[in-house]
C-alpha atoms as a PDB file:
ATOM      1  CA  MET A   1      -3.110 -11.348  40.779  1.00  0.00           C
ATOM      2  CA  LYS A   2       0.612 -10.962  40.028  1.00  0.00           C
ATOM      3  CA  PRO A   3       1.429  -8.411  37.292  1.00  0.00           C
ATOM      4  CA  LEU A   4       2.759 -10.182  34.203  1.00  0.00           C
ATOM      5  CA  ASN A   5       6.018  -9.654  32.346  1.00  0.00           C
ATOM      6  CA  ILE A   6       5.279 -10.067  28.647  1.00  0.00           C
ATOM      7  CA  LEU A   7       7.604 -10.543  25.682  1.00  0.00           C
ATOM      8  CA  ILE A   8       6.339  -9.846  22.145  1.00  0.00           C
ATOM      9  CA  VAL A   9       8.433 -11.393  19.351  1.00  0.00           C
ATOM     10  CA  ASP A  10       7.696 -10.331  15.771  1.00  0.00           C
ATOM     11  CA  ASP A  11       9.845  -8.998  12.946  1.00  0.00           C
ATOM     12  CA  SER A  12       7.189  -6.352  12.254  1.00  0.00           C
ATOM     13  CA  ALA A  13       7.380  -3.351  14.589  1.00  0.00           C
ATOM     14  CA  THR A  14       3.799  -2.526  13.601  1.00  0.00           C
ATOM     15  CA  MET A  15       2.563  -5.959  14.657  1.00  0.00           C
ATOM     16  CA  ARG A  16       4.464  -5.699  17.955  1.00  0.00           C
ATOM     17  CA  GLN A  17       2.610  -2.411  18.551  1.00  0.00           C
ATOM     18  CA  PHE A  18      -0.749  -4.078  17.754  1.00  0.00           C
ATOM     19  CA  VAL A  19      -0.062  -6.847  20.269  1.00  0.00           C
ATOM     20  CA  ARG A  20       1.213  -4.326  22.846  1.00  0.00           C
ATOM     21  CA  ARG A  21      -1.990  -2.304  22.440  1.00  0.00           C
ATOM     22  CA  ALA A  22      -4.132  -5.442  22.785  1.00  0.00           C
ATOM     23  CA  VAL A  23      -2.235  -6.274  25.993  1.00  0.00           C
ATOM     24  CA  GLN A  24      -2.883  -2.761  27.327  1.00  0.00           C
ATOM     25  CA  LEU A  25      -6.588  -3.040  26.490  1.00  0.00           C
ATOM     26  CA  SER A  26      -6.835  -6.425  28.240  1.00  0.00           C
ATOM     27  CA  GLU A  27      -6.868  -4.740  31.669  1.00  0.00           C
ATOM     28  CA  VAL A  28      -4.803  -7.635  33.027  1.00  0.00           C
ATOM     29  CA  PRO A  29      -2.113  -6.317  35.422  1.00  0.00           C
ATOM     30  CA  VAL A  30       1.151  -6.013  33.493  1.00  0.00           C
ATOM     31  CA  ALA A  31       4.549  -5.173  34.991  1.00  0.00           C
ATOM     32  CA  ASN A  32       6.586  -4.967  31.762  1.00  0.00           C
ATOM     33  CA  VAL A  33       6.105  -5.438  28.034  1.00  0.00           C
ATOM     34  CA  LEU A  34       9.367  -6.246  26.264  1.00  0.00           C
ATOM     35  CA  GLU A  35       9.961  -6.735  22.541  1.00  0.00           C
ATOM     36  CA  ALA A  36      12.245  -8.678  20.207  1.00  0.00           C
ATOM     37  CA  ALA A  37      12.402  -8.756  16.401  1.00  0.00           C
ATOM     38  CA  ASN A  38      13.283 -12.475  16.128  1.00  0.00           C
ATOM     39  CA  GLY A  39      13.842 -15.613  18.150  1.00  0.00           C
ATOM     40  CA  LYS A  40      17.544 -14.976  18.721  1.00  0.00           C
ATOM     41  CA  GLU A  41      16.811 -11.560  20.243  1.00  0.00           C
ATOM     42  CA  ALA A  42      14.025 -13.151  22.292  1.00  0.00           C
ATOM     43  CA  LEU A  43      16.434 -15.684  23.836  1.00  0.00           C
ATOM     44  CA  ALA A  44      18.639 -12.810  25.008  1.00  0.00           C
ATOM     45  CA  VAL A  45      15.625 -11.027  26.520  1.00  0.00           C
ATOM     46  CA  ILE A  46      14.519 -14.229  28.269  1.00  0.00           C
ATOM     47  CA  ASP A  47      18.055 -14.723  29.646  1.00  0.00           C
ATOM     48  CA  ALA A  48      17.989 -11.236  31.177  1.00  0.00           C
ATOM     49  CA  ASN A  49      14.371 -11.042  32.401  1.00  0.00           C
ATOM     50  CA  GLU A  50      11.675 -13.050  34.116  1.00  0.00           C
ATOM     51  CA  ILE A  51       9.004 -13.564  31.440  1.00  0.00           C
ATOM     52  CA  ASP A  52       5.498 -14.851  32.191  1.00  0.00           C
ATOM     53  CA  ALA A  53       4.021 -14.746  28.678  1.00  0.00           C
ATOM     54  CA  LEU A  54       5.689 -14.997  25.280  1.00  0.00           C
ATOM     55  CA  PHE A  55       3.773 -13.884  22.179  1.00  0.00           C
ATOM     56  CA  THR A  56       5.650 -15.026  19.073  1.00  0.00           C
ATOM     57  CA  ASP A  57       5.144 -14.801  15.346  1.00  0.00           C
ATOM     58  CA  ILE A  58       5.963 -17.886  13.284  1.00  0.00           C
ATOM     59  CA  ASN A  59       7.816 -16.530  10.247  1.00  0.00           C
ATOM     60  CA  MET A  60      10.776 -14.328  11.178  1.00  0.00           C
ATOM     61  CA  PRO A  61      14.344 -13.949   9.907  1.00  0.00           C
ATOM     62  CA  VAL A  62      17.363 -15.145  11.915  1.00  0.00           C
ATOM     63  CA  MET A  63      15.306 -17.477  14.154  1.00  0.00           C
ATOM     64  CA  SER A  64      11.635 -18.305  13.549  1.00  0.00           C
ATOM     65  CA  GLY A  65       8.969 -18.711  16.211  1.00  0.00           C
ATOM     66  CA  PRO A  66       8.996 -22.531  16.029  1.00  0.00           C
ATOM     67  CA  GLU A  67      12.823 -22.520  16.236  1.00  0.00           C
ATOM     68  CA  LEU A  68      12.623 -20.270  19.313  1.00  0.00           C
ATOM     69  CA  LEU A  69      10.064 -22.495  21.013  1.00  0.00           C
ATOM     70  CA  ARG A  70      12.017 -25.671  20.191  1.00  0.00           C
ATOM     71  CA  GLU A  71      15.208 -24.074  21.543  1.00  0.00           C
ATOM     72  CA  LEU A  72      13.508 -23.170  24.810  1.00  0.00           C
ATOM     73  CA  GLN A  73      12.179 -26.721  25.016  1.00  0.00           C
ATOM     74  CA  ARG A  74      15.602 -28.205  24.133  1.00  0.00           C
ATOM     75  CA  GLN A  75      17.266 -26.181  26.879  1.00  0.00           C
ATOM     76  CA  GLY A  76      14.722 -27.564  29.347  1.00  0.00           C
ATOM     77  CA  ARG A  77      14.006 -24.081  30.674  1.00  0.00           C
ATOM     78  CA  GLU A  78      11.117 -23.062  32.795  1.00  0.00           C
ATOM     79  CA  THR A  79       9.586 -21.326  29.850  1.00  0.00           C
ATOM     80  CA  PRO A  80       6.874 -18.709  29.937  1.00  0.00           C
ATOM     81  CA  ALA A  81       3.357 -19.338  28.729  1.00  0.00           C
ATOM     82  CA  ARG A  82       3.732 -19.510  24.968  1.00  0.00           C
ATOM     83  CA  ILE A  83       1.272 -17.868  22.581  1.00  0.00           C
ATOM     84  CA  VAL A  84       1.703 -18.073  18.804  1.00  0.00           C
ATOM     85  CA  VAL A  85       0.409 -15.079  16.850  1.00  0.00           C
ATOM     86  CA  SER A  86       0.181 -15.755  13.116  1.00  0.00           C
ATOM     87  CA  THR A  87      -1.696 -15.161   9.881  1.00  0.00           C
ATOM     88  CA  ASP A  88      -1.297 -18.878   9.123  1.00  0.00           C
ATOM     89  CA  GLY A  89      -4.221 -20.461  10.940  1.00  0.00           C
ATOM     90  CA  SER A  90      -4.173 -23.677   8.920  1.00  0.00           C
ATOM     91  CA  GLU A  91      -4.736 -26.979  10.685  1.00  0.00           C
ATOM     92  CA  VAL A  92      -1.295 -28.172   9.545  1.00  0.00           C
ATOM     93  CA  ARG A  93       0.393 -25.134  11.144  1.00  0.00           C
ATOM     94  CA  ARG A  94      -1.636 -25.505  14.339  1.00  0.00           C
ATOM     95  CA  GLN A  95      -0.633 -29.165  14.604  1.00  0.00           C
ATOM     96  CA  GLU A  96       3.021 -28.196  14.091  1.00  0.00           C
ATOM     97  CA  MET A  97       2.747 -25.849  17.073  1.00  0.00           C
ATOM     98  CA  GLU A  98       1.124 -28.474  19.329  1.00  0.00           C
ATOM     99  CA  GLY A  99       3.351 -29.119  22.292  1.00  0.00           C
ATOM    100  CA  LEU A 100       5.311 -25.933  21.595  1.00  0.00           C
ATOM    101  CA  ALA A 101       2.641 -23.340  22.404  1.00  0.00           C
ATOM    102  CA  ARG A 102      -0.453 -23.391  24.567  1.00  0.00           C
ATOM    103  CA  TRP A 103      -2.431 -20.779  22.618  1.00  0.00           C
ATOM    104  CA  TYR A 104      -2.703 -19.846  18.950  1.00  0.00           C
ATOM    105  CA  VAL A 105      -3.978 -16.351  18.135  1.00  0.00           C
ATOM    106  CA  ASN A 106      -4.790 -15.401  14.550  1.00  0.00           C
ATOM    107  CA  LYS A 107      -3.727 -12.105  13.020  1.00  0.00           C
ATOM    108  CA  PRO A 108      -5.123  -9.558  12.892  1.00  0.00           C
ATOM    109  CA  VAL A 109      -4.936  -9.618  16.666  1.00  0.00           C
ATOM    110  CA  ARG A 110      -8.238  -8.904  18.390  1.00  0.00           C
ATOM    111  CA  PRO A 111      -7.935  -7.318  21.853  1.00  0.00           C
ATOM    112  CA  GLU A 112     -10.689  -9.502  23.312  1.00  0.00           C
ATOM    113  CA  VAL A 113      -8.802 -12.675  22.320  1.00  0.00           C
ATOM    114  CA  VAL A 114      -5.592 -11.394  23.935  1.00  0.00           C
ATOM    115  CA  ARG A 115      -7.623 -10.427  27.023  1.00  0.00           C
ATOM    116  CA  ASP A 116      -9.074 -13.938  27.294  1.00  0.00           C
ATOM    117  CA  VAL A 117      -5.635 -15.561  26.943  1.00  0.00           C
ATOM    118  CA  LEU A 118      -4.037 -13.227  29.507  1.00  0.00           C
ATOM    119  CA  ASN A 119      -6.925 -13.653  31.950  1.00  0.00           C
ATOM    120  CA  GLU A 120      -6.596 -17.422  31.720  1.00  0.00           C
ATOM    121  CA  LEU A 121      -2.858 -17.117  32.271  1.00  0.00           C
ATOM    122  CA  ALA A 122      -3.094 -14.549  35.088  1.00  0.00           C
ATOM    123  CA  ASN A 123      -5.681 -16.608  36.955  1.00  0.00           C
ATOM    124  CA  GLY A 124      -3.313 -19.562  36.880  1.00  0.00           C
ATOM    125  CA  ILE A 125      -0.407 -17.626  38.437  1.00  0.00           C
ATOM    126  CA  ALA A 126      -0.421 -17.432  42.222  1.00  0.00           C
ATOM    127  CA  ASP A 127       0.258 -14.084  43.888  1.00  0.00           C
END
């Protein structure tokens, strides 16, 4: 199993730490965990690094999660596996994210949910 490069995008440093800790507890092999405070910063990180998994919040200043995901889609990039992490678990919000993200994880982030998502992702990546 190839170690994953993970990018966590959230305007809350505390929430980025929660997701980072959940990733560490997942026991999935991880090469790097990078962080960004908004979508604009995330685009710069993606430009400079190979990213396998992108955890993004929805509501952020400068560039929101949906704006980030649409921009990646618009650019036609080989984008990383996209995971939305949000307190807004409404059906309307989930439908809005359809086609933009593969997974939707509710806050507060539970380590076992992150583990399941990363295991599914890691098992789909060839060595």
